[in-house]
Protein backbone atom coordinates (compact mmCIF):
# COMPACT_ATOMS: atom_id res chain seq x y z
CA MET A 1 -76.89 -39.00 -223.50
CA LYS A 2 -77.25 -36.39 -220.78
CA GLY A 3 -79.37 -36.30 -217.66
CA THR A 4 -79.63 -33.98 -214.67
CA PRO A 5 -76.86 -34.63 -212.11
CA ILE A 6 -78.17 -35.10 -208.59
CA SER A 7 -75.63 -36.99 -206.47
CA PRO A 8 -71.92 -37.30 -207.38
CA GLY A 9 -70.05 -40.50 -208.11
CA ILE A 10 -69.25 -42.86 -210.98
CA ALA A 11 -71.38 -45.97 -211.60
CA ILE A 12 -70.49 -48.84 -213.94
CA GLY A 13 -72.52 -52.02 -213.81
CA LYS A 14 -75.54 -54.11 -214.62
CA VAL A 15 -79.01 -52.59 -214.93
CA HIS A 16 -81.79 -53.54 -212.52
CA LEU A 17 -84.99 -52.18 -214.04
CA LYS A 18 -87.69 -51.20 -211.56
CA LYS A 19 -90.91 -49.91 -213.06
CA LEU A 20 -93.74 -48.69 -210.91
CA VAL A 21 -96.40 -51.36 -210.78
CA SER A 22 -99.68 -49.73 -211.73
CA GLU A 23 -102.22 -51.13 -209.29
CA GLU A 24 -105.44 -52.41 -210.79
CA ILE A 25 -108.23 -50.54 -209.02
CA SER A 26 -111.74 -50.71 -210.37
CA PHE A 27 -114.83 -48.89 -209.19
CA ILE A 28 -116.87 -51.31 -207.10
CA GLN A 29 -120.20 -50.23 -205.68
CA THR A 30 -120.78 -50.80 -201.98
CA ASP A 31 -123.65 -49.82 -199.73
CA ASN A 32 -121.65 -49.75 -196.49
CA ALA A 33 -119.78 -46.44 -196.34
CA GLU A 34 -119.15 -46.75 -192.59
CA GLU A 35 -117.46 -50.13 -193.01
CA GLU A 36 -115.29 -48.70 -195.80
CA LYS A 37 -114.37 -45.73 -193.62
CA LYS A 38 -113.21 -48.16 -190.94
CA ARG A 39 -111.17 -50.12 -193.51
CA PHE A 40 -109.54 -46.88 -194.63
CA GLN A 41 -108.80 -45.68 -191.09
CA ASP A 42 -107.34 -49.05 -190.07
CA SER A 43 -105.13 -49.13 -193.17
CA ARG A 44 -104.06 -45.53 -192.65
CA ALA A 45 -103.10 -46.33 -189.03
CA LEU A 46 -101.02 -49.33 -190.15
CA ALA A 47 -99.34 -47.22 -192.85
CA ILE A 48 -98.38 -44.66 -190.21
CA LYS A 49 -96.95 -47.41 -188.01
CA GLN A 50 -94.85 -48.74 -190.92
CA ILE A 51 -93.54 -45.26 -191.75
CA GLU A 52 -92.75 -44.59 -188.08
CA GLU A 53 -90.48 -47.65 -188.13
CA ILE A 54 -88.64 -46.29 -191.19
CA TYR A 55 -88.48 -42.83 -189.60
CA ASN A 56 -87.06 -44.11 -186.31
CA GLU A 57 -84.39 -46.16 -188.07
CA MET A 58 -83.42 -43.23 -190.32
CA LEU A 59 -83.35 -40.88 -187.34
CA ARG A 60 -81.13 -43.25 -185.38
CA SER A 61 -78.73 -44.17 -188.17
CA LYS A 62 -78.66 -41.13 -190.46
CA GLY A 63 -79.89 -38.00 -188.75
CA GLU A 64 -82.82 -35.69 -188.19
CA GLN A 65 -82.77 -33.97 -191.57
CA GLU A 66 -82.91 -37.21 -193.56
CA ALA A 67 -85.49 -38.78 -191.23
CA SER A 68 -87.74 -35.73 -191.43
CA ILE A 69 -88.74 -36.89 -194.92
CA PHE A 70 -90.79 -39.65 -193.30
CA LEU A 71 -92.13 -37.38 -190.59
CA ALA A 72 -93.59 -35.41 -193.52
CA HIS A 73 -95.18 -38.63 -194.82
CA ILE A 74 -96.82 -39.23 -191.43
CA GLU A 75 -98.13 -35.68 -191.42
CA MET A 76 -99.57 -36.19 -194.90
CA LEU A 77 -101.42 -39.28 -193.71
CA ASN A 78 -102.77 -37.29 -190.77
CA ASP A 79 -103.73 -34.32 -192.93
CA MET A 80 -107.46 -33.64 -192.63
CA GLU A 81 -107.72 -32.64 -196.30
CA PHE A 82 -106.53 -36.13 -197.23
CA ILE A 83 -108.71 -37.91 -194.63
CA ASN A 84 -111.83 -35.84 -195.27
CA GLY A 85 -111.30 -36.16 -199.02
CA VAL A 86 -111.30 -39.95 -198.86
CA GLU A 87 -114.33 -40.07 -196.56
CA TYR A 88 -116.22 -37.63 -198.78
CA VAL A 89 -115.63 -39.84 -201.84
CA LEU A 90 -116.78 -42.89 -199.86
CA GLU A 91 -120.00 -41.15 -198.84
CA GLU A 92 -120.80 -39.57 -202.19
CA SER A 93 -119.74 -42.37 -204.55
CA GLY A 94 -120.56 -45.49 -202.53
CA CYS A 95 -117.23 -46.99 -203.61
CA THR A 96 -114.52 -49.06 -201.91
CA SER A 97 -111.70 -47.48 -199.92
CA GLU A 98 -109.18 -48.42 -202.62
CA TRP A 99 -111.05 -46.36 -205.22
CA ALA A 100 -111.54 -43.45 -202.80
CA VAL A 101 -107.82 -43.27 -201.92
CA LYS A 102 -106.89 -43.49 -205.62
CA THR A 103 -109.33 -40.67 -206.47
CA VAL A 104 -107.99 -38.33 -203.78
CA ARG A 105 -104.39 -39.25 -204.65
CA ASP A 106 -104.91 -38.45 -208.32
CA ASN A 107 -106.47 -35.09 -207.46
CA PHE A 108 -103.58 -34.12 -205.16
CA VAL A 109 -100.94 -35.32 -207.64
CA GLU A 110 -102.50 -33.25 -210.41
CA ILE A 111 -102.47 -30.16 -208.19
CA PHE A 112 -98.84 -30.59 -207.10
CA GLU A 113 -97.51 -31.46 -210.55
CA SER A 114 -99.07 -28.29 -212.00
CA MET A 115 -97.23 -26.02 -209.56
CA ASP A 116 -94.37 -23.78 -210.71
CA HIS A 117 -92.21 -24.25 -207.61
CA ASP A 118 -89.84 -27.24 -207.96
CA TYR A 119 -90.04 -28.18 -204.31
CA MET A 120 -93.84 -28.23 -204.32
CA ARG A 121 -94.00 -30.09 -207.65
CA GLU A 122 -91.77 -32.83 -206.29
CA ARG A 123 -94.14 -33.43 -203.37
CA ALA A 124 -96.37 -35.27 -205.85
CA MET A 125 -94.10 -38.29 -205.41
CA ASP A 126 -94.65 -38.18 -201.65
CA ILE A 127 -98.42 -38.25 -202.20
CA LYS A 128 -98.00 -41.26 -204.51
CA ASP A 129 -95.78 -42.94 -201.93
CA ILE A 130 -98.13 -42.64 -198.96
CA SER A 131 -101.25 -43.40 -201.02
CA GLY A 132 -99.62 -46.43 -202.58
CA ARG A 133 -98.78 -47.76 -199.14
CA VAL A 134 -102.38 -47.37 -197.93
CA ILE A 135 -103.75 -49.01 -201.10
CA ARG A 136 -101.36 -51.99 -200.76
CA ILE A 137 -102.48 -52.48 -197.16
CA LEU A 138 -106.13 -52.30 -198.22
CA LYS A 139 -105.54 -54.87 -200.95
CA GLY A 140 -103.30 -57.05 -198.78
CA THR A 141 -100.63 -57.14 -201.49
CA GLY A 142 -97.62 -56.54 -199.23
CA ASN A 143 -94.88 -53.98 -199.70
CA GLU A 144 -94.32 -53.73 -203.44
CA ASP A 145 -92.23 -50.63 -202.78
CA SER A 146 -89.27 -52.63 -201.52
CA PHE A 147 -87.19 -55.03 -203.56
CA VAL A 148 -84.46 -57.55 -202.85
CA LEU A 149 -81.08 -57.25 -204.55
CA THR A 150 -78.65 -60.16 -204.74
CA GLU A 151 -75.76 -58.44 -206.53
CA PRO A 152 -74.41 -54.90 -207.10
CA VAL A 153 -76.55 -53.15 -209.73
CA ILE A 154 -77.56 -49.78 -211.17
CA ILE A 155 -81.22 -49.09 -210.37
CA ILE A 156 -83.18 -47.68 -213.32
CA SER A 157 -86.69 -46.56 -212.35
CA ASP A 158 -89.59 -44.58 -213.72
CA ASP A 159 -90.85 -43.40 -210.34
CA LEU A 160 -88.62 -44.32 -207.39
CA THR A 161 -90.33 -43.54 -204.10
CA PRO A 162 -88.57 -42.19 -200.99
CA SER A 163 -89.60 -45.33 -199.07
CA ALA A 164 -87.99 -47.63 -201.63
CA THR A 165 -84.80 -45.55 -201.68
CA ALA A 166 -84.50 -45.51 -197.90
CA GLN A 167 -84.82 -49.29 -197.65
CA MET A 168 -82.17 -50.11 -200.26
CA GLU A 169 -79.00 -51.88 -199.23
CA PRO A 170 -76.36 -49.22 -200.14
CA GLY A 171 -73.63 -51.80 -200.66
CA LEU A 172 -75.61 -53.36 -203.53
CA VAL A 173 -76.66 -50.11 -205.26
CA LEU A 174 -73.95 -48.84 -207.61
CA GLY A 175 -76.08 -45.93 -208.76
CA ILE A 176 -79.62 -44.74 -209.52
CA ILE A 177 -81.17 -43.20 -212.63
CA ASN A 178 -84.78 -42.09 -212.20
CA GLU A 179 -87.12 -40.66 -214.79
CA THR A 180 -88.79 -38.11 -212.51
CA GLY A 181 -87.90 -35.74 -209.70
CA GLY A 182 -85.17 -33.22 -209.06
CA PRO A 183 -82.53 -32.12 -206.56
CA THR A 184 -85.10 -31.52 -203.81
CA SER A 185 -87.03 -34.77 -204.30
CA HIS A 186 -86.89 -36.94 -201.23
CA ALA A 187 -85.43 -39.90 -203.14
CA ALA A 188 -82.60 -37.61 -204.29
CA ILE A 189 -81.93 -36.36 -200.76
CA ILE A 190 -81.69 -39.92 -199.45
CA ALA A 191 -79.36 -40.96 -202.30
CA ARG A 192 -76.98 -38.08 -201.53
CA MET A 193 -77.05 -38.97 -197.86
CA LEU A 194 -76.17 -42.60 -198.68
CA GLY A 195 -73.43 -41.52 -201.10
CA ILE A 196 -75.12 -43.17 -204.10
CA PRO A 197 -74.56 -41.62 -207.59
CA PHE A 198 -77.91 -40.34 -208.90
CA VAL A 199 -79.08 -38.84 -212.20
CA ILE A 200 -82.55 -37.82 -213.43
CA CYS A 201 -83.26 -38.80 -217.06
CA PRO A 202 -86.79 -38.87 -218.57
CA GLN A 203 -87.71 -41.97 -220.65
CA ILE A 204 -84.61 -43.87 -219.51
CA THR A 205 -86.62 -47.02 -218.73
CA SER A 206 -87.65 -47.33 -222.39
CA LEU A 207 -84.01 -47.26 -223.49
CA VAL A 208 -82.55 -50.01 -221.30
CA LYS A 209 -83.11 -53.68 -220.51
CA ASN A 210 -82.61 -55.70 -217.38
CA GLY A 211 -79.06 -57.00 -217.12
CA GLN A 212 -77.43 -54.75 -219.73
CA GLN A 213 -74.22 -52.92 -218.87
CA LEU A 214 -74.44 -49.16 -218.30
CA ALA A 215 -72.21 -46.37 -217.03
CA PHE A 216 -72.98 -42.87 -215.79
CA ASP A 217 -71.42 -39.87 -214.06
CA GLY A 218 -73.51 -38.50 -211.20
CA GLU A 219 -71.50 -35.28 -211.13
CA GLU A 220 -71.85 -34.40 -214.82
CA GLY A 221 -75.07 -36.25 -215.65
CA THR A 222 -73.59 -38.13 -218.63
CA ILE A 223 -75.00 -41.61 -219.34
CA GLU A 224 -73.47 -44.28 -221.59
CA LEU A 225 -76.04 -46.82 -222.76
CA GLU A 226 -73.47 -48.81 -224.70
CA VAL A 227 -70.45 -49.74 -222.63
CA THR A 228 -67.63 -50.24 -225.14
CA LYS A 229 -63.98 -50.78 -224.29
CA GLU A 230 -63.40 -47.05 -224.78
CA VAL A 231 -66.25 -46.18 -222.43
CA LEU A 232 -64.95 -48.62 -219.86
CA ARG A 233 -61.50 -47.03 -220.13
CA ASP A 234 -62.93 -43.51 -219.86
CA TYR A 235 -65.20 -44.28 -216.93
CA GLY A 236 -62.49 -46.31 -215.29
CA ARG A 237 -60.35 -43.15 -215.28
CA LYS A 238 -63.26 -41.09 -213.95
CA GLN A 239 -63.85 -43.62 -211.21
CA ALA A 240 -60.14 -43.58 -210.33
CA ASP A 241 -60.18 -39.76 -210.13
CA TYR A 242 -63.25 -39.81 -207.92
CA CYS A 243 -61.73 -42.46 -205.68
CA LYS A 244 -58.56 -40.38 -205.49
CA ARG A 245 -60.55 -37.45 -204.18
CA MET A 246 -62.21 -39.70 -201.63
CA LEU A 247 -58.78 -41.10 -200.70
CA GLN A 248 -57.53 -37.59 -200.08
CA LEU A 249 -60.28 -37.28 -197.50
CA GLU A 250 -59.17 -40.58 -195.96
CA GLN A 251 -55.64 -39.19 -195.63
CA LEU A 252 -56.97 -36.52 -193.32
CA ARG A 253 -57.49 -39.15 -190.64
CA GLY A 254 -55.38 -38.35 -187.60
CA THR A 255 -54.99 -34.69 -188.55
CA LYS A 256 -56.62 -31.89 -186.59
CA SER A 257 -59.42 -29.65 -187.78
CA ILE A 258 -57.35 -26.46 -187.53
CA THR A 259 -57.58 -23.40 -189.74
CA VAL A 260 -54.50 -22.08 -191.54
CA ASP A 261 -54.08 -19.46 -188.80
CA GLY A 262 -54.28 -21.96 -185.94
CA HIS A 263 -57.91 -22.01 -184.75
CA GLU A 264 -59.14 -25.50 -183.87
CA ILE A 265 -62.75 -26.67 -183.93
CA LEU A 266 -63.59 -30.06 -182.46
CA LEU A 267 -65.55 -32.28 -184.86
CA ALA A 268 -67.98 -34.67 -183.21
CA GLY A 269 -70.58 -37.18 -184.32
CA ASN A 270 -74.30 -37.50 -183.62
CA ILE A 271 -75.42 -41.00 -182.61
CA GLY A 272 -78.60 -42.81 -181.63
CA ALA A 273 -77.23 -46.11 -180.30
CA PRO A 274 -73.98 -47.35 -178.70
CA GLU A 275 -72.84 -49.15 -181.86
CA ASP A 276 -73.01 -45.86 -183.80
CA ALA A 277 -69.95 -44.67 -181.88
CA ASP A 278 -67.86 -47.03 -184.02
CA ARG A 279 -68.82 -45.09 -187.15
CA VAL A 280 -67.83 -41.80 -185.50
CA LEU A 281 -64.40 -43.26 -184.72
CA GLN A 282 -64.09 -44.72 -188.22
CA GLN A 283 -64.75 -41.24 -189.66
CA ASP A 284 -62.13 -39.71 -187.34
CA GLY A 285 -64.59 -37.96 -185.07
CA HIS A 286 -63.04 -36.45 -181.96
CA SER A 287 -66.04 -36.99 -179.69
CA ILE A 288 -69.77 -37.64 -179.44
CA GLY A 289 -71.54 -34.29 -179.63
CA LEU A 290 -75.06 -35.70 -179.34
CA PHE A 291 -76.21 -39.09 -178.09
CA ARG A 292 -79.98 -39.16 -178.72
CA THR A 293 -81.04 -41.38 -175.81
CA GLU A 294 -84.70 -41.48 -176.87
CA PHE A 295 -83.89 -44.35 -179.22
CA LEU A 296 -83.29 -46.56 -176.20
CA TYR A 297 -86.96 -45.97 -175.33
CA MET A 298 -88.53 -46.37 -178.77
CA ASN A 299 -89.89 -49.41 -180.63
CA ARG A 300 -90.48 -51.45 -177.49
CA ASP A 301 -93.27 -52.26 -175.03
CA GLY A 302 -91.77 -50.66 -171.93
CA SER A 303 -89.06 -48.24 -170.87
CA PRO A 304 -85.46 -49.50 -170.53
CA GLY A 305 -84.36 -50.22 -166.98
CA GLU A 306 -81.43 -48.65 -165.17
CA GLU A 307 -79.05 -51.53 -165.91
CA GLU A 308 -79.81 -51.54 -169.64
CA GLN A 309 -79.25 -47.80 -169.85
CA PHE A 310 -76.11 -47.95 -167.72
CA ALA A 311 -74.65 -50.59 -170.05
CA ALA A 312 -75.41 -48.46 -173.12
CA TYR A 313 -73.85 -45.26 -171.74
CA LYS A 314 -70.86 -47.13 -170.30
CA LYS A 315 -70.23 -48.79 -173.67
CA VAL A 316 -70.06 -45.47 -175.51
CA ALA A 317 -67.93 -43.83 -172.82
CA GLU A 318 -65.40 -46.66 -172.99
CA LYS A 319 -65.32 -46.64 -176.79
CA MET A 320 -64.46 -42.94 -176.82
CA GLN A 321 -61.51 -43.48 -174.45
CA GLY A 322 -61.71 -40.26 -172.47
CA ASN A 323 -62.98 -38.04 -175.27
CA PRO A 324 -66.20 -36.13 -174.55
CA VAL A 325 -69.54 -37.95 -174.85
CA VAL A 326 -72.43 -35.46 -174.69
CA ILE A 327 -75.56 -37.40 -173.76
CA ARG A 328 -78.89 -35.65 -174.16
CA THR A 329 -81.45 -36.72 -171.61
CA LEU A 330 -84.75 -38.07 -172.84
CA ASP A 331 -86.29 -35.98 -175.63
CA ILE A 332 -89.62 -37.71 -176.24
CA GLY A 333 -92.66 -35.93 -177.63
CA GLY A 334 -93.00 -33.65 -180.63
CA ASP A 335 -92.20 -35.92 -183.57
CA LYS A 336 -91.07 -38.86 -181.39
CA GLU A 337 -93.92 -40.88 -179.92
CA VAL A 338 -93.72 -43.70 -177.37
CA ASP A 339 -97.07 -45.42 -176.86
CA TYR A 340 -96.35 -46.97 -173.46
CA LEU A 341 -95.71 -43.52 -171.94
CA LYS A 342 -99.38 -42.74 -172.62
CA ILE A 343 -98.80 -39.13 -173.66
CA SER A 344 -102.09 -37.57 -174.66
CA LYS A 345 -102.47 -36.48 -178.27
CA GLU A 346 -101.86 -32.75 -178.62
CA GLU A 347 -102.89 -30.31 -181.32
CA ASN A 348 -99.32 -29.02 -181.54
CA PRO A 349 -96.93 -31.49 -179.90
CA PHE A 350 -93.82 -29.40 -180.73
CA LEU A 351 -95.16 -26.72 -178.39
CA GLY A 352 -96.47 -29.17 -175.82
CA TYR A 353 -95.57 -31.90 -173.37
CA ARG A 354 -92.12 -32.96 -174.54
CA ALA A 355 -88.47 -33.37 -173.57
CA ILE A 356 -87.54 -31.72 -170.24
CA ARG A 357 -91.20 -30.84 -169.59
CA LEU A 358 -92.13 -34.51 -169.52
CA CYS A 359 -89.09 -35.43 -167.39
CA LEU A 360 -89.74 -32.72 -164.79
CA ASP A 361 -93.32 -33.95 -164.56
CA ARG A 362 -92.32 -37.62 -164.16
CA VAL A 363 -89.39 -37.36 -161.77
CA PRO A 364 -89.16 -41.01 -160.58
CA PHE A 365 -89.22 -42.15 -164.22
CA TRP A 366 -86.47 -39.64 -165.17
CA LYS A 367 -84.29 -40.49 -162.18
CA VAL A 368 -83.76 -43.97 -163.65
CA GLN A 369 -81.93 -42.38 -166.59
CA LEU A 370 -79.99 -39.93 -164.42
CA ARG A 371 -78.77 -42.75 -162.14
CA ALA A 372 -77.59 -44.73 -165.17
CA LEU A 373 -75.79 -41.70 -166.59
CA LEU A 374 -74.03 -40.86 -163.34
CA ARG A 375 -72.93 -44.45 -162.74
CA ALA A 376 -71.55 -44.66 -166.28
CA SER A 377 -69.65 -41.39 -165.84
CA VAL A 378 -66.73 -43.13 -164.09
CA TYR A 379 -65.97 -45.03 -167.31
CA GLY A 380 -65.30 -42.02 -169.51
CA ASN A 381 -65.86 -38.33 -170.14
CA ILE A 382 -69.66 -38.16 -170.06
CA HIS A 383 -71.42 -34.79 -170.27
CA ILE A 384 -75.12 -34.52 -169.39
CA MET A 385 -77.24 -32.22 -171.56
CA PHE A 386 -80.82 -31.12 -170.87
CA PRO A 387 -83.07 -30.57 -173.93
CA MET A 388 -85.73 -27.94 -174.59
CA ILE A 389 -84.92 -25.66 -171.63
CA VAL A 390 -86.81 -22.37 -171.97
CA SER A 391 -86.60 -20.87 -168.47
CA MET A 392 -84.25 -20.59 -165.50
CA GLU A 393 -86.89 -22.33 -163.37
CA GLU A 394 -86.69 -25.42 -165.60
CA LEU A 395 -82.91 -25.47 -165.59
CA ARG A 396 -82.65 -25.11 -161.82
CA GLN A 397 -85.31 -27.75 -161.22
CA ALA A 398 -83.46 -30.17 -163.54
CA LYS A 399 -80.17 -29.50 -161.74
CA GLU A 400 -81.83 -29.99 -158.33
CA ILE A 401 -83.16 -33.39 -159.39
CA LEU A 402 -79.70 -34.34 -160.67
CA GLU A 403 -78.25 -33.34 -157.28
CA GLU A 404 -80.86 -35.49 -155.52
CA VAL A 405 -79.76 -38.49 -157.59
CA LYS A 406 -76.12 -37.75 -156.76
CA ALA A 407 -77.00 -37.71 -153.06
CA GLU A 408 -78.84 -41.02 -153.39
CA LEU A 409 -75.78 -42.63 -155.03
CA ARG A 410 -73.43 -41.21 -152.38
CA SER A 411 -75.61 -42.66 -149.62
CA LYS A 412 -75.20 -46.08 -151.23
CA GLU A 413 -71.47 -45.51 -151.85
CA ILE A 414 -71.92 -45.87 -155.61
CA ALA A 415 -69.16 -44.16 -157.57
CA PHE A 416 -69.77 -41.41 -160.12
CA ASN A 417 -67.97 -38.35 -161.46
CA GLU A 418 -68.66 -35.63 -158.90
CA ASN A 419 -67.67 -32.96 -161.43
CA ILE A 420 -69.64 -34.29 -164.40
CA PRO A 421 -70.19 -31.41 -166.88
CA VAL A 422 -73.82 -30.33 -167.27
CA GLY A 423 -75.03 -28.34 -170.26
CA MET A 424 -78.18 -27.46 -172.13
CA MET A 425 -79.56 -27.41 -175.64
CA MET A 426 -80.07 -23.93 -177.04
CA GLU A 427 -83.01 -24.52 -179.37
CA THR A 428 -85.59 -21.86 -178.59
CA PRO A 429 -85.63 -18.05 -178.89
CA ALA A 430 -86.30 -17.87 -175.12
CA ALA A 431 -83.09 -19.75 -174.35
CA ALA A 432 -81.05 -17.75 -176.86
CA LEU A 433 -82.26 -14.40 -175.49
CA MET A 434 -81.31 -15.50 -171.97
CA ALA A 435 -78.00 -17.09 -173.02
CA ASP A 436 -75.88 -14.65 -170.96
CA ILE A 437 -77.85 -15.64 -167.83
CA PHE A 438 -77.93 -19.39 -168.56
CA ALA A 439 -74.17 -19.38 -169.23
CA LYS A 440 -73.51 -18.67 -165.55
CA GLU A 441 -75.27 -21.90 -164.53
CA VAL A 442 -74.08 -24.54 -167.03
CA ASP A 443 -70.79 -25.88 -168.34
CA PHE A 444 -71.60 -25.73 -172.06
CA PHE A 445 -74.17 -24.87 -174.73
CA SER A 446 -75.12 -27.02 -177.71
CA ILE A 447 -77.21 -25.25 -180.35
CA GLY A 448 -79.94 -27.38 -181.88
CA THR A 449 -80.38 -25.53 -185.16
CA ASN A 450 -83.29 -27.63 -186.44
CA ASP A 451 -85.66 -26.61 -183.65
CA LEU A 452 -84.12 -23.16 -183.26
CA ILE A 453 -84.98 -22.32 -186.87
CA GLN A 454 -88.48 -23.75 -186.54
CA TYR A 455 -89.29 -21.84 -183.35
CA THR A 456 -87.59 -18.61 -184.42
CA MET A 457 -89.39 -18.48 -187.76
CA ALA A 458 -92.68 -19.82 -186.33
CA VAL A 459 -92.82 -22.30 -189.19
CA ASP A 460 -93.61 -26.00 -189.47
CA ARG A 461 -90.87 -27.18 -191.80
CA MET A 462 -93.02 -30.15 -192.85
CA ASN A 463 -95.80 -27.85 -194.09
CA GLY A 464 -95.15 -27.36 -197.79
CA LYS A 465 -97.13 -24.11 -197.86
CA VAL A 466 -94.69 -22.38 -195.50
CA ALA A 467 -91.56 -24.54 -195.80
CA HIS A 468 -89.80 -21.79 -197.80
CA LEU A 469 -89.66 -19.73 -194.59
CA TYR A 470 -87.58 -22.42 -192.87
CA SER A 471 -84.01 -21.32 -193.57
CA GLN A 472 -80.74 -21.74 -191.72
CA TYR A 473 -79.58 -18.60 -193.53
CA ASP A 474 -82.18 -16.29 -192.01
CA PRO A 475 -80.55 -13.28 -190.29
CA ALA A 476 -82.77 -13.72 -187.21
CA VAL A 477 -81.54 -17.28 -186.69
CA LEU A 478 -77.90 -16.29 -187.19
CA ARG A 479 -78.23 -13.41 -184.71
CA PHE A 480 -79.54 -15.82 -182.09
CA ILE A 481 -76.61 -18.17 -182.73
CA LYS A 482 -74.10 -15.32 -182.42
CA LYS A 483 -75.63 -14.27 -179.10
CA VAL A 484 -75.37 -17.81 -177.76
CA VAL A 485 -71.71 -18.18 -178.79
CA ASP A 486 -70.71 -14.74 -177.49
CA SER A 487 -72.50 -15.33 -174.17
CA ALA A 488 -70.78 -18.68 -173.74
CA HIS A 489 -67.29 -17.27 -174.33
CA GLU A 490 -67.90 -14.23 -172.13
CA ASN A 491 -68.65 -16.64 -169.29
CA GLY A 492 -65.83 -19.10 -169.93
CA ILE A 493 -67.83 -22.04 -171.31
CA TRP A 494 -67.81 -23.70 -174.72
CA ALA A 495 -70.50 -23.60 -177.40
CA GLY A 496 -71.20 -26.02 -180.21
CA ILE A 497 -73.81 -26.86 -182.83
CA CYS A 498 -75.42 -30.29 -183.03
CA GLY A 499 -78.09 -29.59 -185.64
CA GLU A 500 -77.90 -30.36 -189.36
CA ALA A 501 -76.49 -26.89 -190.08
CA ALA A 502 -73.22 -27.99 -188.45
CA ALA A 503 -72.27 -29.77 -191.69
CA ASP A 504 -73.48 -27.07 -194.09
CA LYS A 505 -70.40 -26.19 -196.16
CA ALA A 506 -71.74 -22.74 -197.03
CA LEU A 507 -72.26 -21.90 -193.35
CA LEU A 508 -68.95 -23.36 -192.15
CA PRO A 509 -66.89 -20.17 -192.70
CA LEU A 510 -69.50 -18.35 -190.62
CA TRP A 511 -69.20 -20.90 -187.81
CA VAL A 512 -65.41 -20.48 -187.88
CA GLY A 513 -65.72 -16.69 -187.83
CA LEU A 514 -68.19 -16.77 -184.93
CA GLY A 515 -65.72 -18.87 -182.93
CA LEU A 516 -67.76 -22.03 -182.39
CA ASP A 517 -65.80 -24.57 -180.37
CA GLU A 518 -67.48 -27.76 -181.60
CA LEU A 519 -69.52 -28.97 -184.55
CA SER A 520 -71.43 -32.23 -184.19
CA MET A 521 -72.84 -33.92 -187.30
CA SER A 522 -73.64 -37.17 -189.06
CA PRO A 523 -70.37 -39.16 -189.04
CA GLY A 524 -70.19 -39.28 -192.84
CA SER A 525 -69.68 -35.50 -193.01
CA ILE A 526 -66.74 -35.28 -190.59
CA LEU A 527 -63.82 -35.72 -193.00
CA ARG A 528 -65.35 -33.39 -195.59
CA ILE A 529 -65.83 -30.64 -193.01
CA LYS A 530 -62.32 -31.22 -191.66
CA ARG A 531 -60.83 -30.66 -195.13
CA GLN A 532 -62.79 -27.44 -195.50
CA ILE A 533 -61.72 -26.12 -192.08
CA GLN A 534 -58.07 -26.77 -192.92
CA GLY A 535 -58.40 -24.48 -195.94
CA LEU A 536 -59.94 -21.54 -194.06
CA ALA A 537 -58.39 -18.65 -192.14
CA LYS A 538 -60.28 -17.54 -189.05
CA SER A 539 -59.31 -13.90 -189.67
CA ASP A 540 -60.93 -14.02 -193.12
CA CYS A 541 -64.00 -15.73 -191.69
CA GLU A 542 -64.37 -13.00 -189.08
CA GLU A 543 -64.52 -10.43 -191.88
CA LEU A 544 -67.20 -12.58 -193.53
CA VAL A 545 -69.20 -12.52 -190.28
CA GLU A 546 -69.12 -8.71 -190.26
CA LYS A 547 -70.31 -8.57 -193.85
CA THR A 548 -73.00 -11.23 -193.33
CA PHE A 549 -74.50 -9.42 -190.35
CA THR A 550 -75.16 -6.35 -192.48
CA LEU A 551 -77.43 -8.36 -194.79
CA LYS A 552 -81.19 -8.23 -194.39
CA THR A 553 -82.64 -11.35 -196.03
CA ALA A 554 -82.04 -15.09 -196.01
CA LYS A 555 -81.53 -14.99 -199.78
CA GLU A 556 -78.80 -12.36 -199.50
CA VAL A 557 -77.06 -14.36 -196.78
CA GLU A 558 -77.26 -17.61 -198.74
CA GLU A 559 -75.90 -16.05 -201.92
CA THR A 560 -73.05 -14.36 -200.05
CA LEU A 561 -72.01 -17.52 -198.23
CA LYS A 562 -72.29 -19.78 -201.27
CA ASN A 563 -70.16 -17.39 -203.33
CA TYR A 564 -67.49 -17.10 -200.62
CA LYS A 565 -64.15 -18.28 -202.01
């Protein structure tokens, strides 16, 4: 039989059937609406806390794009339409919170599933996911969304949630076949990120039994319900071919990411903890292009001390053995909350008290990190990078504080790299427009495409009503990136990209043509991007840049790039 291919790979193995447990919720009359509102709000708060833990782990281990799925779940739980809807049902119906959440969920699901747009239709599963979590907390039934595997299996499900997919142990999941969803469903995105074969096939759960053997091709969508000797032979060959292609990637280890006409781009990895540097090295990454230090501060009761931070930065510097380690100073705020810092709730935290703004306001607190970074700089090639700079005043103030810390260390005869490179994130239109001026005062630029797109297009990428405007292919975004790269080179400094667009295979020829010096990405993408670079000619890519910059819409750009060679 045939399904819809979602994530490539060959799966042969035993079926583990996971059907969505339909919770038993009955209408129960209650005369205490205020008490039920409190139950709902307490359960909603706990659900947010649980999702934040998943989000932080995904952000640290996988990357911002994958983690943003759960940021969207948090925003859904904070959405006033959802909250007011539940409280309205409680007031008008005199029911329990469980019934009220179910009622609002069913209404939202019906609305989303009736939409024509695939992306919007697939958000119905996200509504089911967050509502199911709240209902389980209300009922005290635990996390039915997760499940324990004891052996490698193929997951067959009628309605696999993003939360369940994210918490799977990849080594025990041979593949996934789900009855619902599509390429843009969050479960599908996570499966691709984890490298798990995935196919969508309606009614599949009614055709299989727990423990039976099954085989499928995630690239073609073919499914074999009866695994005969012939099928085993055929799929064995397919698996061998797929493994051969993966092996060809492995053989690129030790080679350079150089185009056919001799242009080299350094490939780096994004990390969130010292141990993540091992994965960058395993994937043949040349350097660390982004160390997100905020993860040292998260999921704890107090900020890390100087010695703890020093040990973390020193460990990464030593692991990289002289290769660059770009460490971004604390970027808390926006989507990353730390309770003990007591940051007031803001209506729009992405435009508020975050990143360098917080650090410049809490100088003694920030100096702890700067001292640790400088002390660790003698153990490797550490670069310091300031996030969210929007003005020359901010940059100069940050550099002055860094110089103060250097002076303090000198007075105590504590060693550090006197010539430590200092750069800045380019992630706002203000920074991009002033790139030629900023380039005279820093040693490098690193373009954070995720925020740059969001701020350039004035769009909340988690808001489904406007998410279609969030595009890395938009001509305005690409013009900003070109200005940043050109300004860097005109002033003798290097420029890289550390956002998710760094690993976009359609955009890669454009990055080569623009002359980017470094691309930093999730470690799992490094070998794939290296292979692609080795097949490109910079001269051809420069012609593509000229053609692309004549185009007027994101759709035109996307089509042109995806059809390139």
